[in-house]
Amino acid sequence: MKLGYIHSNREEQTRVMQVLKMTSESVALDELGIGRIRDAFADRMFPGISTLQKHMKYFSIMPQLYRKATEKRYNRLSEVKAEIIRLERIMTKNLYEGSTDKRGITGSDMIGKSGNNYVKYDPAYIYNSGLQTFGILRSPQLYELIYSTSKALHNTPKVTKTDDEDADDKSGLFQFCSFPNVNYDFTQKCALALTVEDKNFIVDHILNAEACRDTLLRYIIDNSDFTIADRFEQIPFRQLPQEIGELQDLARRFADFIYMVHIRYNYIYSQYQDEEMRTEFREKLEEYQNSGTDIDKVLNAVSIRENSGKWFCKEVAECIAANDIKENGGLDQLIINRERRVKGNRRKIGNPAYIYDKKNRIHYHKLTYRWETVKTFAEELRKETANG
């Protein structure tokens, strides 16, 4: 039995778009509007990864949950979401009780609380984009397909079948998702630690996913002896295959470049009073000028639909090349104008509604391109596997 194409309703379409947005490091628009460039680099290096994701286990356990959801009879499509959340609550409780380190378990704060309210970003919301990227979840129309599969299962006449026939039938019914063969039942007992079956299932899908081909993520997963650096900029790009290493180097250069710009932003925002920012900017400016960075080459490494962020970065580089760097000069005015265009009346520079605070400087950190999440995932995959 094969499932045909199913048109998604408006609620499902909205949810799909929300899930896709979660591959971004931040939903809020940053002051200088460089988030799209950052995310484009992150997507090329680490497809399917978002900063909301916390543990690899979910890439194995969520398909199990979706399969469990097909066992229930439904009278209407809206009941599917309620069933998924009910199963997520059970899964969350068992993960919490079965894990030594309980950090990063989505929804653990809701354990024991009654009512229909659940976390704003449930595991399905957080992990479905990655499940699709890795080829585990084969369609974004999850609710409809669970609903249709449930109907097909419960409406099929019970007849004697051979094992091969039964396997063929199930492959048709469950074609919307891949499922691991594990020796535990998440509704009874489970833990964040990966079993051999969990690990093999996840690794196989990442290695075979078209979206992960020739990416830094795939290389790290496929080379367990590759050193996992503490910070993104410490990744030994010269030890990587040429194209992957070059992309990582360009992403690092962009992180250094925009960090320098954000330091200048804070100096302007402080009304030129934060001497630490002035000093650090001069240091980073000298480093940039001596780095040999070609900003055009950096920006050409990624494609984005809205190019104003790229033009801003090119104009910054031109100001630096022309040495047009002085208080209230070309570079500063460029930064001021950019924030005004991006943030409008929510801009901080020159806005009396905001007061500069040295303890909370704006974007005073380097871009990491979701490296913290990737590092956690790699470390989990390299740990000794559990026994179910």
Protein backbone atom coordinates (compact mmCIF):
# COMPACT_ATOMS: atom_id res chain seq x y z
CA MET A 1 0.00 0.00 0.00
CA LYS A 2 1.44 3.38 -1.05
CA LEU A 3 0.57 6.83 0.20
CA GLY A 4 -0.10 9.57 -2.32
CA TYR A 5 0.73 13.25 -2.13
CA ILE A 6 -1.24 15.10 0.52
CA HIS A 7 -1.87 18.85 0.42
CA SER A 8 -0.95 20.51 3.71
CA ASN A 9 -3.35 22.84 5.46
CA ARG A 10 -2.50 26.39 6.53
CA GLU A 11 -1.56 25.37 10.09
CA GLU A 12 0.87 22.77 8.82
CA GLN A 13 2.39 25.18 6.29
CA THR A 14 2.96 27.73 9.04
CA ARG A 15 4.58 25.12 11.25
CA VAL A 16 6.88 23.99 8.45
CA MET A 17 8.10 27.55 7.92
CA GLN A 18 8.68 27.93 11.65
CA VAL A 19 10.71 24.73 11.74
CA LEU A 20 12.86 25.86 8.84
CA LYS A 21 13.57 29.13 10.63
CA MET A 22 14.99 27.23 13.58
CA THR A 23 18.13 26.37 11.62
CA SER A 24 19.00 30.00 12.30
CA GLU A 25 21.07 30.94 15.35
CA SER A 26 18.66 33.69 16.24
CA VAL A 27 15.11 34.61 15.31
CA ALA A 28 15.64 38.27 16.25
CA LEU A 29 17.22 40.50 13.62
CA ASP A 30 20.71 41.62 14.66
CA GLU A 31 21.68 45.28 14.78
CA LEU A 32 23.72 45.28 11.58
CA GLY A 33 21.75 42.67 9.65
CA ILE A 34 24.50 40.10 9.04
CA GLY A 35 22.49 37.11 10.33
CA ARG A 36 21.69 35.84 6.84
CA ILE A 37 25.39 35.69 5.96
CA ARG A 38 26.17 33.91 9.23
CA ASP A 39 23.38 31.39 8.68
CA ALA A 40 24.41 30.78 5.07
CA PHE A 41 27.91 29.81 6.23
CA ALA A 42 26.46 27.65 9.01
CA ASP A 43 24.10 25.89 6.61
CA ARG A 44 26.94 25.05 4.24
CA MET A 45 29.14 23.66 7.02
CA PHE A 46 26.57 22.17 9.39
CA PRO A 47 23.29 21.45 7.56
CA GLY A 48 20.35 20.40 9.70
CA ILE A 49 21.85 21.82 12.90
CA SER A 50 20.28 24.56 15.02
CA THR A 51 21.27 26.11 18.31
CA LEU A 52 18.02 24.92 19.92
CA GLN A 53 19.06 21.30 19.45
CA LYS A 54 20.81 19.81 22.46
CA HIS A 55 21.25 16.04 22.06
CA MET A 56 21.78 13.54 19.24
CA LYS A 57 19.39 11.10 20.89
CA TYR A 58 16.40 13.01 19.57
CA PHE A 59 17.30 12.10 15.97
CA SER A 60 16.68 8.47 16.87
CA ILE A 61 13.91 8.81 19.40
CA MET A 62 11.63 11.20 17.49
CA PRO A 63 11.09 8.74 14.60
CA GLN A 64 10.13 6.15 17.21
CA LEU A 65 7.65 8.60 18.65
CA TYR A 66 6.11 9.28 15.23
CA ARG A 67 5.75 5.57 14.60
CA LYS A 68 4.04 5.19 17.97
CA ALA A 69 1.67 8.00 17.00
CA THR A 70 0.43 5.99 14.02
CA GLU A 71 -0.90 3.31 16.38
CA LYS A 72 -3.68 5.56 17.65
CA ARG A 73 -7.04 5.91 15.92
CA TYR A 74 -7.92 9.49 14.98
CA ASN A 75 -11.26 11.08 14.17
CA ARG A 76 -9.74 14.32 12.93
CA LEU A 77 -6.35 15.66 11.90
CA SER A 78 -6.07 18.03 14.87
CA GLU A 79 -5.85 15.04 17.22
CA VAL A 80 -2.45 14.08 15.81
CA LYS A 81 -0.67 17.09 17.30
CA ALA A 82 -2.19 16.39 20.72
CA GLU A 83 -1.01 12.79 20.54
CA ILE A 84 2.53 13.82 19.59
CA ILE A 85 2.69 16.19 22.54
CA ARG A 86 1.30 13.49 24.86
CA LEU A 87 4.03 11.11 23.70
CA GLU A 88 6.66 13.86 24.00
CA ARG A 89 5.68 14.34 27.65
CA ILE A 90 6.16 10.62 28.30
CA MET A 91 9.46 10.61 26.44
CA THR A 92 10.68 13.68 28.34
CA LYS A 93 9.87 12.16 31.72
CA ASN A 94 11.65 8.91 30.88
CA LEU A 95 14.69 10.70 29.44
CA TYR A 96 14.91 12.79 32.60
CA GLU A 97 14.61 9.81 34.93
CA GLY A 98 16.99 7.65 32.90
CA SER A 99 19.80 10.15 32.34
CA THR A 100 22.62 11.06 34.71
CA ASP A 101 23.19 14.48 33.13
CA LYS A 102 19.74 15.98 32.72
CA ARG A 103 20.74 19.19 30.95
CA GLY A 104 19.25 19.93 27.57
CA ILE A 105 16.17 17.73 27.92
CA THR A 106 13.47 19.72 26.16
CA GLY A 107 10.36 20.18 28.30
CA SER A 108 11.85 18.81 31.52
CA ASP A 109 10.53 21.86 33.40
CA MET A 110 7.00 20.68 32.59
CA ILE A 111 7.36 17.25 34.20
CA GLY A 112 4.62 16.69 36.76
CA LYS A 113 2.65 19.76 35.73
CA SER A 114 -0.95 19.25 34.74
CA GLY A 115 -2.85 20.97 31.95
CA ASN A 116 -2.53 21.08 28.21
CA ASN A 117 0.23 23.68 28.09
CA TYR A 118 3.62 22.48 26.95
CA VAL A 119 6.86 24.16 25.95
CA LYS A 120 6.71 26.73 23.16
CA TYR A 121 9.35 24.88 21.15
CA ASP A 122 8.65 21.17 21.57
CA PRO A 123 11.06 18.45 20.33
CA ALA A 124 9.17 18.07 17.05
CA TYR A 125 9.52 21.80 16.40
CA ILE A 126 13.23 21.77 17.23
CA TYR A 127 14.41 18.60 15.52
CA ASN A 128 12.16 18.11 12.48
CA SER A 129 14.23 20.32 10.19
CA GLY A 130 17.33 18.28 11.01
CA LEU A 131 15.40 15.04 10.59
CA GLN A 132 14.43 16.19 7.10
CA THR A 133 17.96 17.33 6.25
CA PHE A 134 19.40 13.96 7.26
CA GLY A 135 16.80 12.10 5.21
CA ILE A 136 15.15 10.52 8.25
CA LEU A 137 11.88 12.40 7.94
CA ARG A 138 11.03 12.39 4.25
CA SER A 139 8.20 14.90 4.24
CA PRO A 140 7.32 18.05 6.16
CA GLN A 141 3.64 17.01 6.13
CA LEU A 142 4.05 15.05 9.33
CA TYR A 143 0.58 15.40 10.84
CA GLU A 144 -1.21 14.45 7.62
CA LEU A 145 1.00 11.45 7.01
CA ILE A 146 0.63 10.11 10.54
CA TYR A 147 -3.11 10.60 10.23
CA SER A 148 -3.26 8.80 6.88
CA THR A 149 -0.97 5.99 8.03
CA SER A 150 -3.11 5.46 11.12
CA LYS A 151 -6.24 5.21 9.00
CA ALA A 152 -4.57 2.77 6.62
CA LEU A 153 -3.35 0.60 9.49
CA HIS A 154 -6.70 0.43 11.23
CA ASN A 155 -8.76 0.03 8.08
CA THR A 156 -6.68 -2.72 6.51
CA PRO A 157 -8.37 -6.14 6.81
CA LYS A 158 -6.44 -8.55 8.98
CA VAL A 159 -5.23 -11.38 6.76
CA THR A 160 -2.38 -13.82 7.03
CA LYS A 161 0.75 -12.54 5.33
CA THR A 162 4.27 -13.77 4.89
CA ASP A 163 7.06 -11.83 6.57
CA ASP A 164 8.15 -10.45 3.19
CA GLU A 165 4.65 -9.30 2.31
CA ASP A 166 4.23 -7.69 5.72
CA ALA A 167 7.56 -5.89 5.31
CA ASP A 168 6.56 -4.59 1.88
CA ASP A 169 3.23 -3.34 3.23
CA LYS A 170 4.83 -1.54 6.15
CA SER A 171 7.45 0.06 3.95
CA GLY A 172 4.59 1.62 2.03
CA LEU A 173 2.69 2.73 5.10
CA PHE A 174 5.73 4.17 6.79
CA GLN A 175 7.43 5.68 3.77
CA PHE A 176 7.30 9.18 5.32
CA CYS A 177 10.04 8.35 7.85
CA SER A 178 12.92 5.98 8.62
CA PHE A 179 12.85 4.14 11.91
CA PRO A 180 15.71 2.67 13.97
CA ASN A 181 15.60 -0.88 15.26
CA VAL A 182 16.27 -0.38 18.96
CA ASN A 183 16.04 -2.66 21.97
CA TYR A 184 14.21 -0.21 24.23
CA ASP A 185 10.72 1.30 24.40
CA PHE A 186 10.83 5.05 24.98
CA THR A 187 7.37 4.92 26.58
CA GLN A 188 8.80 2.68 29.31
CA LYS A 189 12.45 3.59 29.74
CA CYS A 190 15.09 5.58 27.87
CA ALA A 191 18.16 7.77 28.38
CA LEU A 192 20.13 10.44 26.53
CA ALA A 193 23.10 8.09 26.13
CA LEU A 194 23.17 6.61 22.64
CA THR A 195 22.83 2.88 22.13
CA VAL A 196 24.68 1.11 19.33
CA GLU A 197 21.45 1.07 17.33
CA ASP A 198 20.84 4.80 17.93
CA LYS A 199 24.35 5.69 16.85
CA ASN A 200 24.38 3.52 13.73
CA PHE A 201 20.98 4.84 12.65
CA ILE A 202 21.98 8.51 13.00
CA VAL A 203 25.47 8.15 11.54
CA ASP A 204 24.26 6.19 8.52
CA HIS A 205 21.70 8.84 7.66
CA ILE A 206 24.12 11.76 8.01
CA LEU A 207 26.75 10.00 5.89
CA ASN A 208 24.22 9.18 3.18
CA ALA A 209 22.22 12.42 3.20
CA GLU A 210 22.63 14.42 0.00
CA ALA A 211 22.39 17.67 1.98
CA CYS A 212 25.43 16.65 4.06
CA ARG A 213 27.63 15.72 1.15
CA ASP A 214 31.06 17.43 1.18
CA THR A 215 30.29 19.29 4.42
CA LEU A 216 32.34 19.79 7.56
CA LEU A 217 29.59 18.07 9.54
CA ARG A 218 29.84 14.89 7.47
CA TYR A 219 33.63 14.93 7.64
CA ILE A 220 33.59 15.16 11.45
CA ILE A 221 31.04 12.36 11.74
CA ASP A 222 32.98 10.15 9.30
CA ASN A 223 36.40 10.76 10.90
CA SER A 224 36.26 9.89 14.58
CA ASP A 225 39.97 10.67 14.98
CA PHE A 226 39.58 14.28 13.85
CA THR A 227 40.27 16.66 16.73
CA ILE A 228 37.17 18.39 18.09
CA ALA A 229 38.30 21.94 18.85
CA ASP A 230 36.89 23.88 21.79
CA ARG A 231 36.13 26.90 19.61
CA PHE A 232 35.21 27.26 15.97
CA GLU A 233 38.24 29.36 15.08
CA GLN A 234 40.52 26.63 16.49
CA ILE A 235 39.40 24.03 13.95
CA PRO A 236 42.58 22.96 12.10
CA PHE A 237 41.32 23.82 8.63
CA ARG A 238 44.59 22.79 6.97
CA GLN A 239 43.95 19.22 8.11
CA LEU A 240 40.60 19.17 6.31
CA PRO A 241 39.94 18.30 2.66
CA GLN A 242 40.76 21.36 0.56
CA GLU A 243 37.25 22.64 -0.23
CA ILE A 244 35.94 22.03 3.29
CA GLY A 245 39.01 23.63 4.83
CA GLU A 246 38.79 26.67 2.58
CA LEU A 247 35.16 27.25 3.52
CA GLN A 248 35.93 26.97 7.24
CA ASP A 249 38.80 29.44 6.80
CA LEU A 250 36.54 31.92 4.97
CA ALA A 251 33.87 31.57 7.68
CA ARG A 252 36.55 32.22 10.32
CA ARG A 253 37.70 35.30 8.44
CA PHE A 254 34.15 36.61 8.25
CA ALA A 255 33.74 36.04 12.01
CA ASP A 256 36.92 38.06 12.66
CA PHE A 257 35.81 40.81 10.28
CA ILE A 258 32.32 41.31 11.69
CA TYR A 259 33.62 41.04 15.28
CA MET A 260 35.85 44.02 14.50
CA VAL A 261 32.84 45.89 13.11
CA HIS A 262 30.75 45.12 16.20
CA ILE A 263 33.53 46.42 18.42
CA ARG A 264 33.43 49.69 16.50
CA TYR A 265 29.63 49.66 16.80
CA ASN A 266 29.93 49.50 20.61
CA TYR A 267 32.47 52.33 20.62
CA ILE A 268 30.05 54.51 18.64
CA TYR A 269 27.10 53.43 20.83
CA SER A 270 29.06 54.47 23.93
CA GLN A 271 29.33 57.95 22.38
CA TYR A 272 33.07 57.33 22.07
CA GLN A 273 33.46 56.93 25.83
CA ASP A 274 34.35 53.19 26.06
CA GLU A 275 38.15 53.30 25.83
CA GLU A 276 38.41 49.51 25.97
CA MET A 277 36.42 49.30 22.75
CA ARG A 278 38.57 51.97 21.10
CA THR A 279 41.77 50.13 22.01
CA GLU A 280 40.45 46.72 20.98
CA PHE A 281 39.18 48.07 17.70
CA ARG A 282 42.64 49.39 16.81
CA GLU A 283 44.09 45.94 17.63
CA LYS A 284 41.53 44.06 15.54
CA LEU A 285 41.85 46.57 12.71
CA GLU A 286 45.59 45.96 12.53
CA GLU A 287 45.03 42.20 12.59
CA TYR A 288 42.53 42.48 9.76
CA GLN A 289 44.79 44.69 7.66
CA ASN A 290 47.62 42.17 8.06
CA SER A 291 45.48 39.07 7.51
CA GLY A 292 45.25 39.28 3.74
CA THR A 293 41.48 38.76 3.91
CA ASP A 294 39.70 39.35 0.60
CA ILE A 295 36.20 40.29 1.71
CA ASP A 296 34.80 39.70 -1.79
CA LYS A 297 36.10 36.13 -1.76
CA VAL A 298 34.66 35.63 1.72
CA LEU A 299 31.21 36.88 0.77
CA ASN A 300 31.15 35.02 -2.55
CA ALA A 301 31.43 31.74 -0.64
CA VAL A 302 27.74 31.92 0.30
CA SER A 303 24.54 32.76 -1.53
CA ILE A 304 21.68 34.67 0.08
CA ARG A 305 18.54 36.18 -1.40
CA GLU A 306 18.84 39.56 0.31
CA ASN A 307 22.23 41.10 -0.44
CA SER A 308 22.19 44.36 1.54
CA GLY A 309 24.29 42.69 4.26
CA LYS A 310 26.95 41.82 1.72
CA TRP A 311 26.98 45.35 0.32
CA PHE A 312 27.37 46.74 3.84
CA CYS A 313 30.38 44.50 4.49
CA LYS A 314 31.95 45.52 1.17
CA GLU A 315 31.45 49.19 1.99
CA VAL A 316 33.07 48.65 5.40
CA ALA A 317 36.07 47.04 3.70
CA GLU A 318 36.30 49.96 1.28
CA CYS A 319 36.29 52.47 4.14
CA ILE A 320 39.07 50.55 5.84
CA ALA A 321 41.09 50.34 2.62
CA ALA A 322 40.69 54.11 2.19
CA ASN A 323 41.63 54.65 5.85
CA ASP A 324 38.36 56.52 6.33
CA ILE A 325 38.28 55.64 10.02
CA LYS A 326 37.75 58.46 12.45
CA GLU A 327 35.07 59.48 14.93
CA ASN A 328 31.93 60.50 13.05
CA GLY A 329 33.73 59.68 9.82
CA GLY A 330 32.91 57.42 6.87
CA LEU A 331 33.06 54.05 8.64
CA ASP A 332 31.13 55.27 11.66
CA GLN A 333 28.42 56.88 9.55
CA LEU A 334 28.18 53.69 7.53
CA ILE A 335 27.56 51.69 10.71
CA ILE A 336 25.04 54.23 12.03
CA ASN A 337 23.11 54.25 8.75
CA ARG A 338 23.12 50.46 8.55
CA GLU A 339 21.59 50.05 12.00
CA ARG A 340 18.97 52.68 11.19
CA ARG A 341 17.94 50.79 8.04
CA VAL A 342 17.91 47.41 9.77
CA LYS A 343 16.33 48.29 13.11
CA GLY A 344 14.36 51.46 12.42
CA ASN A 345 13.00 53.00 15.64
CA ARG A 346 14.45 50.08 17.59
CA ARG A 347 18.00 51.16 16.83
CA LYS A 348 20.29 51.78 19.79
CA ILE A 349 22.77 54.35 18.53
CA GLY A 350 21.35 57.85 19.08
CA ASN A 351 18.16 56.49 20.60
CA PRO A 352 17.39 57.97 24.06
CA ALA A 353 15.35 54.86 24.89
CA TYR A 354 18.62 52.86 25.17
CA ILE A 355 21.59 53.42 27.45
CA TYR A 356 25.00 51.90 26.72
CA ASP A 357 26.17 49.35 29.30
CA LYS A 358 29.76 48.08 29.32
CA LYS A 359 28.63 44.90 31.05
CA ASN A 360 26.21 44.13 28.22
CA ARG A 361 27.96 45.16 25.05
CA ILE A 362 26.16 44.37 21.81
CA HIS A 363 27.33 41.27 19.89
CA TYR A 364 30.59 41.35 21.80
CA HIS A 365 31.49 37.82 20.76
CA LYS A 366 32.63 36.03 17.65
CA LEU A 367 30.27 34.07 15.44
CA THR A 368 30.42 30.34 16.10
CA TYR A 369 28.12 29.06 13.33
CA ARG A 370 26.39 26.58 15.72
CA TRP A 371 29.73 24.98 16.58
CA GLU A 372 28.76 24.44 20.23
CA THR A 373 25.90 22.17 19.11
CA VAL A 374 28.06 20.31 16.58
CA LYS A 375 30.77 19.83 19.21
CA THR A 376 28.23 18.35 21.66
CA PHE A 377 26.86 16.00 19.00
CA ALA A 378 30.33 14.81 17.97
CA GLU A 379 31.30 14.16 21.57
CA GLU A 380 28.09 12.19 22.17
CA LEU A 381 28.74 10.03 19.12
CA ARG A 382 32.29 9.33 20.29
CA LYS A 383 31.27 8.24 23.78
CA GLU A 384 31.00 4.57 24.61
CA THR A 385 27.53 3.42 23.63
CA ALA A 386 24.88 2.43 26.16
CA ASN A 387 22.99 -0.87 26.39
CA GLY A 388 19.47 0.39 25.74
